[in-house]
């Protein structure tokens, strides 16, 4: 299961990088559109529309990576004072709720895509984009988020049942300030060392 989660993490990172590249490309297209409008009183048309698709696609693919990296915001003022086993049970419960949320998003995303595909819907804009194409990429990101949540939940449940509380905390627990500090120091150390010393 850990190998599958590692593979899922790599794929989620690739999806997030691809989404980030799309955001940069969209920013470039919008900037170019603004310059052309000012200088030549022309417009590409569709720059704002395309940026909306990019935002939806990149956001859906970032959800899985945020969950795997435990980068989401959690209010843990009470959590840090509870016994370790109670925290682990709450972490599993949190993943269950997250799975319900991810499944709901994916379910509604499927209906939106399915309707657009069946009707051959196009954007009411100058470029008349077939809506099924960007919606498909958005839906795949949502479905991947749901799949990753399910994998994490299964792994966390197995760890909780076998008494491996450390694994539950590692994959589903709230990140501590100490963990964030250690990760940042490690990142600084890597950037400071000469290129030939890096693995």
N, C-alpha and C. Protein backbone atom coordinates (compact mmCIF):
# COMPACT_ATOMS: atom_id res chain seq x y z
N UNK A 1 0.83 -1.21 0.00
CA UNK A 1 0.00 0.00 0.00
C UNK A 1 0.87 1.27 0.00
N UNK A 2 2.00 1.22 0.72
CA UNK A 2 2.88 2.39 0.75
C UNK A 2 3.47 2.69 -0.63
N UNK A 3 3.76 1.64 -1.39
CA UNK A 3 4.27 1.85 -2.76
C UNK A 3 3.21 2.52 -3.63
N UNK A 4 1.98 2.09 -3.47
CA UNK A 4 0.89 2.70 -4.24
C UNK A 4 0.73 4.17 -3.86
N UNK A 5 0.85 4.47 -2.56
CA UNK A 5 0.75 5.86 -2.12
C UNK A 5 1.92 6.70 -2.64
N UNK A 6 3.11 6.09 -2.70
CA UNK A 6 4.26 6.81 -3.28
C UNK A 6 4.03 7.13 -4.75
N UNK A 7 3.49 6.16 -5.47
CA UNK A 7 3.17 6.39 -6.89
C UNK A 7 2.09 7.46 -7.03
N UNK A 8 1.08 7.39 -6.17
CA UNK A 8 0.01 8.39 -6.19
C UNK A 8 0.58 9.78 -5.90
N UNK A 9 1.56 9.84 -4.99
CA UNK A 9 2.18 11.13 -4.65
C UNK A 9 2.93 11.69 -5.85
N UNK A 10 3.66 10.83 -6.55
CA UNK A 10 4.40 11.29 -7.74
C UNK A 10 3.44 11.80 -8.82
N UNK A 11 2.37 11.07 -9.04
CA UNK A 11 1.39 11.48 -10.05
C UNK A 11 0.71 12.79 -9.64
N UNK A 12 0.39 12.92 -8.34
CA UNK A 12 -0.24 14.16 -7.86
C UNK A 12 0.72 15.34 -8.03
N UNK A 13 2.00 15.11 -7.76
CA UNK A 13 2.98 16.19 -7.93
C UNK A 13 3.09 16.59 -9.41
N UNK A 14 3.09 15.59 -10.29
CA UNK A 14 3.13 15.89 -11.72
C UNK A 14 1.89 16.69 -12.14
N UNK A 15 0.71 16.28 -11.65
CA UNK A 15 -0.52 17.01 -11.97
C UNK A 15 -0.48 18.44 -11.47
N UNK A 16 0.06 18.64 -10.27
CA UNK A 16 0.16 19.99 -9.72
C UNK A 16 1.15 20.84 -10.52
N UNK A 17 2.28 20.24 -10.91
CA UNK A 17 3.26 20.97 -11.74
C UNK A 17 2.65 21.34 -13.10
N UNK A 18 1.93 20.40 -13.69
CA UNK A 18 1.28 20.67 -14.98
C UNK A 18 0.24 21.78 -14.82
N UNK A 19 -0.52 21.75 -13.72
CA UNK A 19 -1.49 22.80 -13.45
C UNK A 19 -0.81 24.15 -13.26
N UNK A 20 0.33 24.15 -12.55
CA UNK A 20 1.09 25.39 -12.36
C UNK A 20 1.61 25.94 -13.67
N UNK A 21 2.06 25.04 -14.55
CA UNK A 21 2.53 25.47 -15.87
C UNK A 21 1.38 26.10 -16.67
N UNK A 22 0.19 25.51 -16.55
CA UNK A 22 -0.98 26.08 -17.24
C UNK A 22 -1.33 27.47 -16.70
N UNK A 23 -1.18 27.65 -15.39
CA UNK A 23 -1.47 28.96 -14.79
C UNK A 23 -0.48 30.00 -15.32
N UNK A 24 0.80 29.63 -15.40
CA UNK A 24 1.81 30.56 -15.94
C UNK A 24 1.51 30.88 -17.40
N UNK A 25 1.14 29.86 -18.17
CA UNK A 25 0.79 30.07 -19.58
C UNK A 25 -0.43 31.00 -19.70
N UNK A 26 -1.43 30.77 -18.84
CA UNK A 26 -2.62 31.63 -18.87
C UNK A 26 -2.26 33.07 -18.52
N UNK A 27 -1.37 33.25 -17.55
CA UNK A 27 -0.95 34.61 -17.18
C UNK A 27 -0.23 35.28 -18.36
N UNK A 28 0.59 34.50 -19.07
CA UNK A 28 1.28 35.04 -20.24
C UNK A 28 0.27 35.46 -21.33
N UNK A 29 -0.71 34.61 -21.59
CA UNK A 29 -1.72 34.92 -22.62
C UNK A 29 -2.53 36.16 -22.23
N UNK A 30 -2.90 36.26 -20.95
CA UNK A 30 -3.65 37.44 -20.50
C UNK A 30 -2.79 38.69 -20.62
N UNK A 31 -1.51 38.59 -20.22
CA UNK A 31 -0.61 39.74 -20.35
C UNK A 31 -0.45 40.17 -21.79
N UNK A 32 -0.29 39.19 -22.69
CA UNK A 32 -0.16 39.49 -24.12
C UNK A 32 -1.43 40.13 -24.65
N UNK A 33 -2.57 39.64 -24.21
CA UNK A 33 -3.86 40.20 -24.62
C UNK A 33 -3.97 41.66 -24.20
N UNK A 34 -3.53 41.97 -22.99
CA UNK A 34 -3.59 43.35 -22.49
C UNK A 34 -2.68 44.26 -23.31
N UNK A 35 -1.46 43.79 -23.59
CA UNK A 35 -0.51 44.59 -24.37
C UNK A 35 -1.05 44.85 -25.78
N UNK A 36 -1.58 43.81 -26.42
CA UNK A 36 -2.10 43.96 -27.79
C UNK A 36 -3.30 44.90 -27.80
N UNK A 37 -4.15 44.81 -26.77
CA UNK A 37 -5.30 45.72 -26.70
C UNK A 37 -4.84 47.17 -26.59
N UNK A 38 -3.82 47.42 -25.76
CA UNK A 38 -3.35 48.79 -25.54
C UNK A 38 -2.64 49.35 -26.78
N UNK A 39 -1.80 48.51 -27.39
CA UNK A 39 -0.99 49.00 -28.50
C UNK A 39 -1.72 49.02 -29.84
N UNK A 40 -2.53 48.00 -30.09
CA UNK A 40 -3.12 47.86 -31.43
C UNK A 40 -4.65 47.90 -31.42
N UNK A 41 -5.24 48.12 -30.26
CA UNK A 41 -6.70 48.16 -30.11
C UNK A 41 -7.33 46.90 -30.71
N UNK A 42 -6.68 45.77 -30.44
CA UNK A 42 -7.19 44.46 -30.87
C UNK A 42 -7.33 43.58 -29.63
N UNK A 43 -8.04 42.50 -29.78
CA UNK A 43 -8.17 41.55 -28.66
C UNK A 43 -8.13 40.13 -29.21
N UNK A 44 -7.44 39.26 -28.47
CA UNK A 44 -7.42 37.85 -28.86
C UNK A 44 -8.82 37.26 -28.73
N UNK A 45 -9.48 37.63 -27.66
CA UNK A 45 -10.77 37.02 -27.37
C UNK A 45 -10.56 35.65 -26.74
N UNK A 46 -11.16 35.44 -25.61
CA UNK A 46 -11.08 34.13 -24.98
C UNK A 46 -10.01 33.99 -23.92
N UNK A 47 -9.18 35.01 -23.69
CA UNK A 47 -8.12 34.90 -22.68
C UNK A 47 -8.71 34.69 -21.29
N UNK A 48 -9.74 35.45 -20.97
CA UNK A 48 -10.39 35.30 -19.66
C UNK A 48 -11.08 33.95 -19.54
N UNK A 49 -11.69 33.50 -20.64
CA UNK A 49 -12.36 32.20 -20.64
C UNK A 49 -11.36 31.07 -20.39
N UNK A 50 -10.25 31.10 -21.13
CA UNK A 50 -9.24 30.06 -20.98
C UNK A 50 -8.64 30.05 -19.57
N UNK A 51 -8.46 31.24 -19.00
CA UNK A 51 -7.90 31.30 -17.64
C UNK A 51 -8.86 30.69 -16.63
N UNK A 52 -10.17 30.80 -16.87
CA UNK A 52 -11.15 30.15 -16.00
C UNK A 52 -11.03 28.64 -16.04
N UNK A 53 -10.85 28.09 -17.24
CA UNK A 53 -10.66 26.65 -17.36
C UNK A 53 -9.38 26.21 -16.66
N UNK A 54 -8.33 26.99 -16.85
CA UNK A 54 -7.03 26.67 -16.24
C UNK A 54 -7.15 26.66 -14.72
N UNK A 55 -7.84 27.64 -14.17
CA UNK A 55 -8.00 27.71 -12.72
C UNK A 55 -8.74 26.48 -12.19
N UNK A 56 -9.80 26.08 -12.87
CA UNK A 56 -10.57 24.91 -12.43
C UNK A 56 -9.75 23.64 -12.53
N UNK A 57 -9.04 23.45 -13.63
CA UNK A 57 -8.25 22.23 -13.83
C UNK A 57 -7.09 22.16 -12.84
N UNK A 58 -6.34 23.25 -12.73
CA UNK A 58 -5.18 23.24 -11.83
C UNK A 58 -5.60 23.07 -10.38
N UNK A 59 -6.73 23.67 -9.99
CA UNK A 59 -7.22 23.52 -8.61
C UNK A 59 -7.61 22.08 -8.31
N UNK A 60 -8.30 21.44 -9.26
CA UNK A 60 -8.74 20.06 -9.01
C UNK A 60 -7.56 19.11 -8.87
N UNK A 61 -6.50 19.34 -9.65
CA UNK A 61 -5.33 18.48 -9.56
C UNK A 61 -4.48 18.78 -8.33
N UNK A 62 -4.58 19.99 -7.80
CA UNK A 62 -3.81 20.34 -6.60
C UNK A 62 -4.41 19.75 -5.33
N UNK A 63 -5.68 19.39 -5.36
CA UNK A 63 -6.35 18.87 -4.16
C UNK A 63 -5.68 17.60 -3.63
N UNK A 64 -5.35 16.68 -4.52
CA UNK A 64 -4.74 15.42 -4.09
C UNK A 64 -3.37 15.66 -3.49
N UNK A 65 -2.57 16.53 -4.09
CA UNK A 65 -1.23 16.81 -3.57
C UNK A 65 -1.32 17.48 -2.20
N UNK A 66 -2.24 18.41 -2.04
CA UNK A 66 -2.41 19.07 -0.74
C UNK A 66 -2.76 18.05 0.35
N UNK A 67 -3.60 17.07 0.00
CA UNK A 67 -3.97 16.05 0.98
C UNK A 67 -2.79 15.14 1.30
N UNK A 68 -2.06 14.72 0.29
CA UNK A 68 -0.91 13.83 0.51
C UNK A 68 0.21 14.52 1.30
N UNK A 69 0.40 15.81 1.04
CA UNK A 69 1.45 16.57 1.74
C UNK A 69 0.95 17.15 3.06
N UNK A 70 -0.31 16.90 3.39
CA UNK A 70 -0.95 17.46 4.59
C UNK A 70 -0.77 18.97 4.63
N UNK A 71 -0.96 19.59 3.47
CA UNK A 71 -0.77 21.03 3.33
C UNK A 71 -2.06 21.82 3.56
N UNK A 72 -3.16 21.12 3.78
CA UNK A 72 -4.42 21.81 4.02
C UNK A 72 -4.43 22.41 5.43
N UNK A 73 -5.26 23.39 5.63
CA UNK A 73 -5.33 24.08 6.92
C UNK A 73 -6.24 23.29 7.87
N UNK A 74 -5.71 23.05 9.07
CA UNK A 74 -6.51 22.40 10.11
C UNK A 74 -6.42 23.23 11.38
N UNK A 75 -7.53 23.37 12.06
CA UNK A 75 -7.54 24.07 13.34
C UNK A 75 -7.35 23.02 14.41
N UNK A 76 -6.16 23.00 15.02
CA UNK A 76 -5.83 21.90 15.93
C UNK A 76 -5.57 22.36 17.36
N UNK A 77 -6.23 23.43 17.78
CA UNK A 77 -6.00 23.94 19.14
C UNK A 77 -6.41 22.91 20.21
N UNK A 78 -7.47 22.14 19.95
CA UNK A 78 -7.89 21.08 20.87
C UNK A 78 -7.17 19.77 20.57
N UNK A 79 -6.95 19.51 19.29
CA UNK A 79 -6.35 18.26 18.81
C UNK A 79 -5.01 17.96 19.51
N UNK A 80 -4.17 18.97 19.67
CA UNK A 80 -2.82 18.75 20.22
C UNK A 80 -2.84 18.37 21.70
N UNK A 81 -3.98 18.54 22.37
CA UNK A 81 -4.07 18.22 23.80
C UNK A 81 -4.73 16.86 24.05
N UNK A 82 -5.18 16.20 22.99
CA UNK A 82 -5.86 14.91 23.15
C UNK A 82 -4.86 13.76 23.16
N UNK A 83 -5.25 12.61 23.73
CA UNK A 83 -4.38 11.43 23.70
C UNK A 83 -4.08 11.01 22.25
N UNK A 84 -2.94 10.39 22.05
CA UNK A 84 -2.47 10.05 20.70
C UNK A 84 -3.46 9.14 19.97
N UNK A 85 -4.01 8.16 20.65
CA UNK A 85 -4.96 7.24 20.00
C UNK A 85 -6.25 7.95 19.59
N UNK A 86 -6.69 8.88 20.40
CA UNK A 86 -7.89 9.65 20.06
C UNK A 86 -7.60 10.51 18.82
N UNK A 87 -6.42 11.10 18.78
CA UNK A 87 -6.03 11.90 17.61
C UNK A 87 -6.01 11.03 16.35
N UNK A 88 -5.47 9.82 16.48
CA UNK A 88 -5.42 8.92 15.32
C UNK A 88 -6.83 8.57 14.84
N UNK A 89 -7.74 8.32 15.79
CA UNK A 89 -9.13 8.01 15.41
C UNK A 89 -9.77 9.22 14.74
N UNK A 90 -9.48 10.42 15.24
CA UNK A 90 -10.02 11.63 14.62
C UNK A 90 -9.44 11.84 13.22
N UNK A 91 -8.15 11.49 13.04
CA UNK A 91 -7.54 11.60 11.71
C UNK A 91 -8.25 10.69 10.71
N UNK A 92 -8.56 9.47 11.14
CA UNK A 92 -9.29 8.54 10.26
C UNK A 92 -10.69 9.06 9.98
N UNK A 93 -11.34 9.59 11.00
CA UNK A 93 -12.67 10.17 10.82
C UNK A 93 -12.61 11.34 9.83
N UNK A 94 -11.56 12.15 9.95
CA UNK A 94 -11.37 13.28 9.03
C UNK A 94 -11.23 12.82 7.59
N UNK A 95 -10.50 11.71 7.39
CA UNK A 95 -10.35 11.16 6.04
C UNK A 95 -11.69 10.63 5.51
N UNK A 96 -12.49 10.06 6.40
CA UNK A 96 -13.83 9.58 5.98
C UNK A 96 -14.69 10.75 5.49
N UNK A 97 -14.67 11.84 6.25
CA UNK A 97 -15.44 13.02 5.86
C UNK A 97 -14.89 13.59 4.55
N UNK A 98 -13.56 13.62 4.43
CA UNK A 98 -12.94 14.13 3.21
C UNK A 98 -13.31 13.26 2.01
N UNK A 99 -13.38 11.95 2.21
CA UNK A 99 -13.78 11.06 1.12
C UNK A 99 -15.21 11.35 0.68
N UNK A 100 -16.09 11.57 1.65
CA UNK A 100 -17.48 11.93 1.30
C UNK A 100 -17.53 13.22 0.49
N UNK A 101 -16.73 14.20 0.89
CA UNK A 101 -16.67 15.48 0.17
C UNK A 101 -16.12 15.29 -1.24
N UNK A 102 -15.02 14.51 -1.35
CA UNK A 102 -14.40 14.27 -2.67
C UNK A 102 -15.35 13.50 -3.58
N UNK A 103 -16.05 12.52 -3.02
CA UNK A 103 -17.00 11.74 -3.82
C UNK A 103 -18.15 12.62 -4.31
N UNK A 104 -18.63 13.52 -3.44
CA UNK A 104 -19.70 14.43 -3.82
C UNK A 104 -19.26 15.37 -4.95
N UNK A 105 -18.04 15.91 -4.82
CA UNK A 105 -17.50 16.77 -5.88
C UNK A 105 -17.41 16.02 -7.20
N UNK A 106 -16.89 14.79 -7.13
CA UNK A 106 -16.71 13.99 -8.34
C UNK A 106 -18.05 13.64 -8.97
N UNK A 107 -19.02 13.30 -8.13
CA UNK A 107 -20.35 12.95 -8.61
C UNK A 107 -20.99 14.11 -9.37
N UNK A 108 -20.94 15.29 -8.79
CA UNK A 108 -21.52 16.47 -9.45
C UNK A 108 -20.69 16.86 -10.68
N UNK A 109 -19.36 16.71 -10.58
CA UNK A 109 -18.50 16.98 -11.73
C UNK A 109 -18.83 16.07 -12.91
N UNK A 110 -19.12 14.79 -12.60
CA UNK A 110 -19.49 13.85 -13.64
C UNK A 110 -20.78 14.28 -14.34
N UNK A 111 -21.77 14.73 -13.56
CA UNK A 111 -23.04 15.16 -14.15
C UNK A 111 -22.84 16.38 -15.05
N UNK A 112 -22.00 17.31 -14.62
CA UNK A 112 -21.73 18.50 -15.44
C UNK A 112 -21.07 18.09 -16.75
N UNK A 113 -20.04 17.25 -16.66
CA UNK A 113 -19.33 16.79 -17.86
C UNK A 113 -20.27 15.99 -18.78
N UNK A 114 -21.02 15.07 -18.20
CA UNK A 114 -21.90 14.19 -18.97
C UNK A 114 -22.95 15.01 -19.74
N UNK A 115 -23.51 16.01 -19.08
CA UNK A 115 -24.51 16.85 -19.74
C UNK A 115 -23.88 17.65 -20.89
N UNK A 116 -22.70 18.22 -20.64
CA UNK A 116 -22.02 18.99 -21.69
C UNK A 116 -21.66 18.11 -22.87
N UNK A 117 -21.20 16.88 -22.58
CA UNK A 117 -20.81 15.96 -23.63
C UNK A 117 -22.00 15.54 -24.48
N UNK A 118 -23.10 15.19 -23.81
CA UNK A 118 -24.30 14.73 -24.53
C UNK A 118 -24.93 15.83 -25.37
N UNK A 119 -24.91 17.06 -24.86
CA UNK A 119 -25.54 18.17 -25.57
C UNK A 119 -24.60 18.85 -26.56
N UNK A 120 -23.30 18.48 -26.51
CA UNK A 120 -22.33 19.15 -27.36
C UNK A 120 -22.21 20.63 -27.02
N UNK A 121 -22.29 20.93 -25.72
CA UNK A 121 -22.30 22.33 -25.27
C UNK A 121 -21.00 23.04 -25.61
N UNK A 122 -21.15 24.29 -26.01
CA UNK A 122 -20.01 25.15 -26.29
C UNK A 122 -20.13 26.43 -25.48
N UNK A 123 -19.00 27.03 -25.17
CA UNK A 123 -19.00 28.30 -24.45
C UNK A 123 -19.62 29.38 -25.33
N UNK A 124 -20.39 30.28 -24.73
CA UNK A 124 -21.01 31.37 -25.47
C UNK A 124 -20.00 32.53 -25.51
N UNK A 125 -18.90 32.28 -26.23
CA UNK A 125 -17.80 33.26 -26.35
C UNK A 125 -17.32 33.27 -27.79
N UNK A 126 -16.35 34.13 -28.06
CA UNK A 126 -15.81 34.23 -29.41
C UNK A 126 -15.16 32.94 -29.88
N UNK A 127 -14.51 32.21 -28.98
CA UNK A 127 -13.82 30.98 -29.42
C UNK A 127 -14.70 29.74 -29.32
N UNK A 128 -15.85 29.86 -28.69
CA UNK A 128 -16.85 28.77 -28.62
C UNK A 128 -16.22 27.43 -28.26
N UNK A 129 -15.51 27.39 -27.14
CA UNK A 129 -14.84 26.15 -26.70
C UNK A 129 -15.85 25.05 -26.41
N UNK A 130 -15.64 23.84 -26.94
CA UNK A 130 -16.48 22.70 -26.52
C UNK A 130 -16.23 22.44 -25.03
N UNK A 131 -17.24 22.62 -24.22
CA UNK A 131 -17.07 22.59 -22.77
C UNK A 131 -16.65 21.22 -22.23
N UNK A 132 -16.93 20.17 -22.97
CA UNK A 132 -16.60 18.83 -22.48
C UNK A 132 -15.09 18.63 -22.32
N UNK A 133 -14.26 19.31 -23.13
CA UNK A 133 -12.82 19.10 -23.06
C UNK A 133 -12.21 19.62 -21.76
N UNK A 134 -12.40 20.90 -21.41
CA UNK A 134 -11.85 21.34 -20.12
C UNK A 134 -12.54 20.68 -18.94
N UNK A 135 -13.84 20.40 -19.08
CA UNK A 135 -14.56 19.75 -17.98
C UNK A 135 -14.06 18.34 -17.74
N UNK A 136 -13.61 17.65 -18.79
CA UNK A 136 -13.07 16.31 -18.62
C UNK A 136 -11.78 16.35 -17.78
N UNK A 137 -10.88 17.27 -18.10
CA UNK A 137 -9.63 17.40 -17.34
C UNK A 137 -9.91 17.78 -15.89
N UNK A 138 -10.90 18.64 -15.69
CA UNK A 138 -11.31 19.03 -14.34
C UNK A 138 -11.88 17.82 -13.59
N UNK A 139 -12.72 17.04 -14.26
CA UNK A 139 -13.34 15.86 -13.65
C UNK A 139 -12.28 14.82 -13.29
N UNK A 140 -11.30 14.60 -14.15
CA UNK A 140 -10.24 13.63 -13.85
C UNK A 140 -9.48 14.05 -12.59
N UNK A 141 -9.22 15.35 -12.44
CA UNK A 141 -8.55 15.84 -11.24
C UNK A 141 -9.38 15.57 -9.99
N UNK A 142 -10.69 15.80 -10.08
CA UNK A 142 -11.58 15.53 -8.94
C UNK A 142 -11.62 14.04 -8.61
N UNK A 143 -11.71 13.21 -9.66
CA UNK A 143 -11.76 11.76 -9.45
C UNK A 143 -10.46 11.26 -8.83
N UNK A 144 -9.33 11.84 -9.25
CA UNK A 144 -8.05 11.44 -8.69
C UNK A 144 -7.96 11.84 -7.21
N UNK A 145 -8.50 12.99 -6.87
CA UNK A 145 -8.56 13.42 -5.48
C UNK A 145 -9.36 12.42 -4.65
N UNK A 146 -10.50 11.97 -5.17
CA UNK A 146 -11.31 10.98 -4.46
C UNK A 146 -10.56 9.66 -4.31
N UNK A 147 -9.87 9.24 -5.36
CA UNK A 147 -9.11 7.99 -5.30
C UNK A 147 -7.99 8.06 -4.27
N UNK A 148 -7.26 9.16 -4.26
CA UNK A 148 -6.17 9.34 -3.30
C UNK A 148 -6.71 9.35 -1.87
N UNK A 149 -7.85 10.00 -1.68
CA UNK A 149 -8.46 10.04 -0.35
C UNK A 149 -8.84 8.64 0.10
N UNK A 150 -9.39 7.84 -0.81
CA UNK A 150 -9.74 6.45 -0.49
C UNK A 150 -8.51 5.64 -0.13
N UNK A 151 -7.42 5.78 -0.90
CA UNK A 151 -6.18 5.05 -0.60
C UNK A 151 -5.63 5.44 0.77
N UNK A 152 -5.63 6.73 1.07
CA UNK A 152 -5.14 7.18 2.38
C UNK A 152 -6.03 6.64 3.50
N UNK A 153 -7.33 6.64 3.28
CA UNK A 153 -8.24 6.13 4.30
C UNK A 153 -8.01 4.65 4.56
N UNK A 154 -7.85 3.86 3.49
CA UNK A 154 -7.60 2.43 3.66
C UNK A 154 -6.30 2.18 4.41
N UNK A 155 -5.25 2.93 4.05
CA UNK A 155 -3.95 2.77 4.72
C UNK A 155 -4.04 3.20 6.18
N UNK A 156 -4.74 4.30 6.45
CA UNK A 156 -4.86 4.78 7.82
C UNK A 156 -5.70 3.83 8.67
N UNK A 157 -6.76 3.27 8.10
CA UNK A 157 -7.58 2.29 8.83
C UNK A 157 -6.78 1.05 9.17
N UNK A 158 -6.00 0.56 8.22
CA UNK A 158 -5.16 -0.61 8.48
C UNK A 158 -4.16 -0.32 9.59
N UNK A 159 -3.53 0.85 9.53
CA UNK A 159 -2.55 1.23 10.55
C UNK A 159 -3.21 1.37 11.92
N UNK A 160 -4.41 1.94 11.97
CA UNK A 160 -5.11 2.11 13.24
C UNK A 160 -5.49 0.77 13.84
N UNK A 161 -5.97 -0.14 12.99
CA UNK A 161 -6.39 -1.47 13.47
C UNK A 161 -5.19 -2.25 14.00
N UNK A 162 -4.05 -2.13 13.33
CA UNK A 162 -2.85 -2.87 13.76
C UNK A 162 -2.07 -2.15 14.86
N UNK A 163 -2.55 -0.99 15.28
CA UNK A 163 -1.90 -0.27 16.37
C UNK A 163 -0.71 0.58 15.94
N UNK A 164 -0.56 0.79 14.64
CA UNK A 164 0.56 1.59 14.13
C UNK A 164 0.14 3.07 14.09
N UNK A 165 0.10 3.66 15.27
CA UNK A 165 -0.37 5.03 15.40
C UNK A 165 0.56 6.01 14.68
N UNK A 166 1.85 5.72 14.68
CA UNK A 166 2.82 6.61 14.02
C UNK A 166 2.51 6.76 12.53
N UNK A 167 2.10 5.67 11.89
CA UNK A 167 1.77 5.73 10.46
C UNK A 167 0.51 6.56 10.23
N UNK A 168 -0.47 6.41 11.11
CA UNK A 168 -1.69 7.21 10.98
C UNK A 168 -1.32 8.69 11.06
N UNK A 169 -0.48 9.04 12.03
CA UNK A 169 -0.07 10.45 12.17
C UNK A 169 0.74 10.91 10.96
N UNK A 170 1.57 10.02 10.43
CA UNK A 170 2.43 10.40 9.30
C UNK A 170 1.64 10.69 8.04
N UNK A 171 0.59 9.92 7.80
CA UNK A 171 -0.14 10.09 6.54
C UNK A 171 -1.40 10.92 6.67
N UNK A 172 -1.95 11.04 7.89
CA UNK A 172 -3.24 11.73 8.03
C UNK A 172 -3.27 12.75 9.16
N UNK A 173 -2.25 12.76 9.99
CA UNK A 173 -2.26 13.65 11.14
C UNK A 173 -1.98 15.10 10.78
N UNK A 174 -2.28 15.94 11.72
CA UNK A 174 -2.02 17.37 11.55
C UNK A 174 -0.52 17.62 11.65
N UNK A 175 0.01 18.40 10.73
CA UNK A 175 1.43 18.73 10.77
C UNK A 175 1.71 19.63 11.97
N UNK A 176 2.82 19.36 12.64
CA UNK A 176 3.21 20.19 13.78
C UNK A 176 4.14 21.31 13.32
N UNK A 177 4.28 22.32 14.16
CA UNK A 177 5.21 23.40 13.86
C UNK A 177 6.63 22.90 13.75
N UNK A 178 6.96 21.89 14.57
CA UNK A 178 8.31 21.31 14.54
C UNK A 178 8.58 20.63 13.19
N UNK A 179 7.59 19.91 12.66
CA UNK A 179 7.76 19.26 11.36
C UNK A 179 7.95 20.29 10.26
N UNK A 180 7.18 21.36 10.31
CA UNK A 180 7.33 22.42 9.30
C UNK A 180 8.71 23.06 9.38
N UNK A 181 9.20 23.28 10.61
CA UNK A 181 10.52 23.88 10.80
C UNK A 181 11.61 22.96 10.27
N UNK A 182 11.52 21.68 10.60
CA UNK A 182 12.53 20.72 10.14
C UNK A 182 12.55 20.63 8.61
N UNK A 183 11.37 20.63 8.00
CA UNK A 183 11.29 20.56 6.54
C UNK A 183 11.89 21.80 5.89
N UNK A 184 11.63 22.95 6.48
CA UNK A 184 12.17 24.20 5.93
C UNK A 184 13.69 24.25 6.09
N UNK A 185 14.21 23.79 7.23
CA UNK A 185 15.66 23.75 7.44
C UNK A 185 16.33 22.79 6.47
N UNK A 186 15.68 21.66 6.21
CA UNK A 186 16.22 20.69 5.24
C UNK A 186 16.25 21.29 3.84
N UNK A 187 15.20 22.03 3.49
CA UNK A 187 15.15 22.68 2.19
C UNK A 187 16.26 23.74 2.06
N UNK A 188 16.48 24.50 3.12
CA UNK A 188 17.56 25.50 3.11
C UNK A 188 18.93 24.84 2.99
N UNK A 189 19.09 23.72 3.69
CA UNK A 189 20.37 23.01 3.64
C UNK A 189 20.66 22.50 2.23
N UNK A 190 19.62 21.97 1.57
CA UNK A 190 19.79 21.47 0.20
C UNK A 190 20.17 22.59 -0.76
N UNK A 191 19.54 23.75 -0.59
CA UNK A 191 19.84 24.87 -1.48
C UNK A 191 21.24 25.45 -1.23
N UNK A 192 21.72 25.32 0.00
CA UNK A 192 23.02 25.90 0.35
C UNK A 192 24.20 25.03 -0.07
N UNK A 193 23.98 23.70 -0.16
CA UNK A 193 25.11 22.83 -0.48
C UNK A 193 25.47 22.93 -1.97
N UNK A 194 26.76 22.75 -2.30
CA UNK A 194 27.18 22.83 -3.72
C UNK A 194 26.48 21.77 -4.56
N UNK A 195 26.32 22.09 -5.84
CA UNK A 195 25.58 21.19 -6.76
C UNK A 195 26.20 19.81 -6.84
N UNK A 196 27.56 19.73 -6.77
CA UNK A 196 28.21 18.42 -6.92
C UNK A 196 28.00 17.52 -5.71
N UNK A 197 27.62 18.11 -4.55
CA UNK A 197 27.37 17.32 -3.35
C UNK A 197 25.96 16.78 -3.27
N UNK A 198 25.09 17.27 -4.16
CA UNK A 198 23.69 16.84 -4.10
C UNK A 198 23.54 15.44 -4.69
N UNK A 199 22.62 14.66 -4.15
CA UNK A 199 22.42 13.28 -4.67
C UNK A 199 21.81 13.29 -6.05
